[in-house]
Amino acid sequence: MDIQQTLINDCINRQRRAEYELYRLTFSYLMSICIRYTRREDKAREVLNIE
């Protein structure tokens, strides 16, 4: 996962494009953590606020 400081700074400044890009870059990693704890994909999606 390659998250550049400019992306973080843009997120801090609430730039929607940057927020979406951060979400896109971290989604699979965060989803795997949620599934590990919830043991169910539907619950993991709920925790990650997809639905």
PDB file of N, CA and C in Angstrom:
ATOM      1  N   MET A   1       0.859  -1.165   0.000  1.00  0.00           N
ATOM      2  CA  MET A   1       0.000   0.000   0.000  1.00  0.00           C
ATOM      3  C   MET A   1       0.905   1.227   0.000  1.00  0.00           C
ATOM      4  N   ASP A   2       0.733   2.056  -0.994  1.00  0.00           N
ATOM      5  CA  ASP A   2       1.568   3.244  -1.140  1.00  0.00           C
ATOM      6  C   ASP A   2       0.701   4.488  -0.984  1.00  0.00           C
ATOM      7  N   ILE A   3       0.695   5.043   0.224  1.00  0.00           N
ATOM      8  CA  ILE A   3      -0.084   6.244   0.491  1.00  0.00           C
ATOM      9  C   ILE A   3       0.894   7.403   0.647  1.00  0.00           C
ATOM     10  N   GLN A   4       0.775   8.351  -0.237  1.00  0.00           N
ATOM     11  CA  GLN A   4       1.706   9.473  -0.241  1.00  0.00           C
ATOM     12  C   GLN A   4       1.226  10.582   0.699  1.00  0.00           C
ATOM     13  N   GLN A   5       2.169  11.350   1.188  1.00  0.00           N
ATOM     14  CA  GLN A   5       1.853  12.429   2.117  1.00  0.00           C
ATOM     15  C   GLN A   5       0.908  13.453   1.494  1.00  0.00           C
ATOM     16  N   THR A   6       1.027  13.679   0.203  1.00  0.00           N
ATOM     17  CA  THR A   6       0.127  14.643  -0.446  1.00  0.00           C
ATOM     18  C   THR A   6      -1.320  14.163  -0.379  1.00  0.00           C
ATOM     19  N   LEU A   7      -1.524  12.855  -0.499  1.00  0.00           N
ATOM     20  CA  LEU A   7      -2.871  12.296  -0.402  1.00  0.00           C
ATOM     21  C   LEU A   7      -3.428  12.515   1.001  1.00  0.00           C
ATOM     22  N   ILE A   8      -2.617  12.282   2.006  1.00  0.00           N
ATOM     23  CA  ILE A   8      -3.041  12.507   3.389  1.00  0.00           C
ATOM     24  C   ILE A   8      -3.375  13.985   3.610  1.00  0.00           C
ATOM     25  N   ASN A   9      -2.522  14.865   3.125  1.00  0.00           N
ATOM     26  CA  ASN A   9      -2.775  16.305   3.276  1.00  0.00           C
ATOM     27  C   ASN A   9      -4.067  16.720   2.576  1.00  0.00           C
ATOM     28  N   ASP A  10      -4.308  16.168   1.394  1.00  0.00           N
ATOM     29  CA  ASP A  10      -5.544  16.485   0.671  1.00  0.00           C
ATOM     30  C   ASP A  10      -6.769  15.975   1.440  1.00  0.00           C
ATOM     31  N   CYS A  11      -6.642  14.830   2.069  1.00  0.00           N
ATOM     32  CA  CYS A  11      -7.748  14.304   2.884  1.00  0.00           C
ATOM     33  C   CYS A  11      -8.000  15.211   4.084  1.00  0.00           C
ATOM     34  N   ILE A  12      -6.939  15.666   4.711  1.00  0.00           N
ATOM     35  CA  ILE A  12      -7.080  16.592   5.838  1.00  0.00           C
ATOM     36  C   ILE A  12      -7.814  17.853   5.395  1.00  0.00           C
ATOM     37  N   ASN A  13      -7.571  18.283   4.166  1.00  0.00           N
ATOM     38  CA  ASN A  13      -8.234  19.466   3.603  1.00  0.00           C
ATOM     39  C   ASN A  13      -9.590  19.146   2.995  1.00  0.00           C
ATOM     40  N   ARG A  14     -10.074  17.927   3.228  1.00  0.00           N
ATOM     41  CA  ARG A  14     -11.407  17.471   2.815  1.00  0.00           C
ATOM     42  C   ARG A  14     -11.644  17.518   1.309  1.00  0.00           C
ATOM     43  N   GLN A  15     -10.649  17.147   0.553  1.00  0.00           N
ATOM     44  CA  GLN A  15     -10.830  17.052  -0.893  1.00  0.00           C
ATOM     45  C   GLN A  15     -11.428  15.686  -1.207  1.00  0.00           C
ATOM     46  N   ARG A  16     -12.606  15.685  -1.792  1.00  0.00           N
ATOM     47  CA  ARG A  16     -13.349  14.453  -2.043  1.00  0.00           C
ATOM     48  C   ARG A  16     -12.573  13.460  -2.901  1.00  0.00           C
ATOM     49  N   ARG A  17     -11.882  13.948  -3.895  1.00  0.00           N
ATOM     50  CA  ARG A  17     -11.102  13.070  -4.769  1.00  0.00           C
ATOM     51  C   ARG A  17     -10.066  12.302  -3.958  1.00  0.00           C
ATOM     52  N   ALA A  18      -9.404  12.982  -3.055  1.00  0.00           N
ATOM     53  CA  ALA A  18      -8.380  12.354  -2.226  1.00  0.00           C
ATOM     54  C   ALA A  18      -9.002  11.357  -1.251  1.00  0.00           C
ATOM     55  N   GLU A  19     -10.148  11.707  -0.693  1.00  0.00           N
ATOM     56  CA  GLU A  19     -10.828  10.796   0.225  1.00  0.00           C
ATOM     57  C   GLU A  19     -11.224   9.511  -0.493  1.00  0.00           C
ATOM     58  N   TYR A  20     -11.745   9.639  -1.705  1.00  0.00           N
ATOM     59  CA  TYR A  20     -12.111   8.463  -2.483  1.00  0.00           C
ATOM     60  C   TYR A  20     -10.873   7.617  -2.810  1.00  0.00           C
ATOM     61  N   GLU A  21      -9.794   8.265  -3.180  1.00  0.00           N
ATOM     62  CA  GLU A  21      -8.564   7.548  -3.521  1.00  0.00           C
ATOM     63  C   GLU A  21      -8.015   6.798  -2.300  1.00  0.00           C
ATOM     64  N   LEU A  22      -8.056   7.413  -1.144  1.00  0.00           N
ATOM     65  CA  LEU A  22      -7.609   6.743   0.084  1.00  0.00           C
ATOM     66  C   LEU A  22      -8.491   5.537   0.376  1.00  0.00           C
ATOM     67  N   TYR A  23      -9.790   5.705   0.219  1.00  0.00           N
ATOM     68  CA  TYR A  23     -10.739   4.604   0.403  1.00  0.00           C
ATOM     69  C   TYR A  23     -10.429   3.470  -0.571  1.00  0.00           C
ATOM     70  N   ARG A  24     -10.201   3.809  -1.822  1.00  0.00           N
ATOM     71  CA  ARG A  24      -9.908   2.804  -2.844  1.00  0.00           C
ATOM     72  C   ARG A  24      -8.618   2.050  -2.522  1.00  0.00           C
ATOM     73  N   LEU A  25      -7.607   2.763  -2.064  1.00  0.00           N
ATOM     74  CA  LEU A  25      -6.318   2.140  -1.760  1.00  0.00           C
ATOM     75  C   LEU A  25      -6.366   1.241  -0.520  1.00  0.00           C
ATOM     76  N   THR A  26      -7.221   1.564   0.434  1.00  0.00           N
ATOM     77  CA  THR A  26      -7.225   0.830   1.695  1.00  0.00           C
ATOM     78  C   THR A  26      -8.384  -0.149   1.842  1.00  0.00           C
ATOM     79  N   PHE A  27      -9.309  -0.152   0.903  1.00  0.00           N
ATOM     80  CA  PHE A  27     -10.519  -0.961   1.041  1.00  0.00           C
ATOM     81  C   PHE A  27     -10.244  -2.435   1.313  1.00  0.00           C
ATOM     82  N   SER A  28      -9.456  -3.088   0.489  1.00  0.00           N
ATOM     83  CA  SER A  28      -9.255  -4.532   0.656  1.00  0.00           C
ATOM     84  C   SER A  28      -8.574  -4.861   1.977  1.00  0.00           C
ATOM     85  N   TYR A  29      -7.624  -4.041   2.384  1.00  0.00           N
ATOM     86  CA  TYR A  29      -6.944  -4.254   3.658  1.00  0.00           C
ATOM     87  C   TYR A  29      -7.925  -4.102   4.828  1.00  0.00           C
ATOM     88  N   LEU A  30      -8.714  -3.030   4.803  1.00  0.00           N
ATOM     89  CA  LEU A  30      -9.675  -2.799   5.877  1.00  0.00           C
ATOM     90  C   LEU A  30     -10.764  -3.857   5.902  1.00  0.00           C
ATOM     91  N   MET A  31     -11.193  -4.295   4.724  1.00  0.00           N
ATOM     92  CA  MET A  31     -12.218  -5.331   4.644  1.00  0.00           C
ATOM     93  C   MET A  31     -11.696  -6.630   5.237  1.00  0.00           C
ATOM     94  N   SER A  32     -10.448  -6.979   4.967  1.00  0.00           N
ATOM     95  CA  SER A  32      -9.887  -8.220   5.516  1.00  0.00           C
ATOM     96  C   SER A  32      -9.831  -8.163   7.041  1.00  0.00           C
ATOM     97  N   ILE A  33      -9.536  -7.011   7.595  1.00  0.00           N
ATOM     98  CA  ILE A  33      -9.524  -6.870   9.055  1.00  0.00           C
ATOM     99  C   ILE A  33     -10.940  -7.019   9.615  1.00  0.00           C
ATOM    100  N   CYS A  34     -11.904  -6.374   8.970  1.00  0.00           N
ATOM    101  CA  CYS A  34     -13.292  -6.470   9.426  1.00  0.00           C
ATOM    102  C   CYS A  34     -13.803  -7.902   9.366  1.00  0.00           C
ATOM    103  N   ILE A  35     -13.482  -8.617   8.309  1.00  0.00           N
ATOM    104  CA  ILE A  35     -13.910 -10.014   8.192  1.00  0.00           C
ATOM    105  C   ILE A  35     -13.253 -10.863   9.266  1.00  0.00           C
ATOM    106  N   ARG A  36     -11.998 -10.600   9.558  1.00  0.00           N
ATOM    107  CA  ARG A  36     -11.294 -11.356  10.596  1.00  0.00           C
ATOM    108  C   ARG A  36     -12.008 -11.239  11.938  1.00  0.00           C
ATOM    109  N   TYR A  37     -12.490 -10.044  12.256  1.00  0.00           N
ATOM    110  CA  TYR A  37     -13.144  -9.840  13.546  1.00  0.00           C
ATOM    111  C   TYR A  37     -14.605 -10.252  13.560  1.00  0.00           C
ATOM    112  N   THR A  38     -15.312 -10.045  12.463  1.00  0.00           N
ATOM    113  CA  THR A  38     -16.747 -10.343  12.454  1.00  0.00           C
ATOM    114  C   THR A  38     -17.060 -11.758  11.986  1.00  0.00           C
ATOM    115  N   ARG A  39     -16.154 -12.344  11.209  1.00  0.00           N
ATOM    116  CA  ARG A  39     -16.319 -13.698  10.654  1.00  0.00           C
ATOM    117  C   ARG A  39     -17.434 -13.800   9.610  1.00  0.00           C
ATOM    118  N   ARG A  40     -18.021 -12.684   9.222  1.00  0.00           N
ATOM    119  CA  ARG A  40     -19.086 -12.693   8.223  1.00  0.00           C
ATOM    120  C   ARG A  40     -18.918 -11.485   7.312  1.00  0.00           C
ATOM    121  N   GLU A  41     -19.013 -11.737   6.004  1.00  0.00           N
ATOM    122  CA  GLU A  41     -18.820 -10.651   5.054  1.00  0.00           C
ATOM    123  C   GLU A  41     -19.894  -9.581   5.169  1.00  0.00           C
ATOM    124  N   ASP A  42     -21.138  -9.987   5.356  1.00  0.00           N
ATOM    125  CA  ASP A  42     -22.204  -8.989   5.456  1.00  0.00           C
ATOM    126  C   ASP A  42     -22.015  -8.092   6.679  1.00  0.00           C
ATOM    127  N   LYS A  43     -21.600  -8.668   7.784  1.00  0.00           N
ATOM    128  CA  LYS A  43     -21.348  -7.877   8.988  1.00  0.00           C
ATOM    129  C   LYS A  43     -20.105  -6.993   8.799  1.00  0.00           C
ATOM    130  N   ALA A  44     -19.094  -7.519   8.128  1.00  0.00           N
ATOM    131  CA  ALA A  44     -17.876  -6.746   7.858  1.00  0.00           C
ATOM    132  C   ALA A  44     -18.201  -5.529   6.996  1.00  0.00           C
ATOM    133  N   ARG A  45     -19.069  -5.705   5.991  1.00  0.00           N
ATOM    134  CA  ARG A  45     -19.472  -4.579   5.149  1.00  0.00           C
ATOM    135  C   ARG A  45     -20.211  -3.524   5.972  1.00  0.00           C
ATOM    136  N   GLU A  46     -21.017  -3.985   6.911  1.00  0.00           N
ATOM    137  CA  GLU A  46     -21.732  -3.066   7.788  1.00  0.00           C
ATOM    138  C   GLU A  46     -20.743  -2.274   8.654  1.00  0.00           C
ATOM    139  N   VAL A  47     -19.768  -2.962   9.201  1.00  0.00           N
ATOM    140  CA  VAL A  47     -18.763  -2.308  10.034  1.00  0.00           C
ATOM    141  C   VAL A  47     -17.976  -1.288   9.223  1.00  0.00           C
ATOM    142  N   LEU A  48     -17.669  -1.649   7.988  1.00  0.00           N
ATOM    143  CA  LEU A  48     -16.893  -0.749   7.114  1.00  0.00           C
ATOM    144  C   LEU A  48     -17.784   0.320   6.467  1.00  0.00           C
ATOM    145  N   ASN A  49     -19.073   0.264   6.752  1.00  0.00           N
ATOM    146  CA  ASN A  49     -20.059   1.253   6.292  1.00  0.00           C
ATOM    147  C   ASN A  49     -20.227   1.265   4.782  1.00  0.00           C
ATOM    148  N   ILE A  50     -20.231   0.105   4.171  1.00  0.00           N
ATOM    149  CA  ILE A  50     -20.456   0.028   2.734  1.00  0.00           C
ATOM    150  C   ILE A  50     -21.953   0.083   2.440  1.00  0.00           C
ATOM    151  N   GLU A  51     -22.725  -0.572   3.241  1.00  0.00           N
ATOM    152  CA  GLU A  51     -24.163  -0.652   2.973  1.00  0.00           C
ATOM    153  C   GLU A  51     -24.931   0.309   3.821  1.00  0.00           C
TER     154      GLU A  51
END
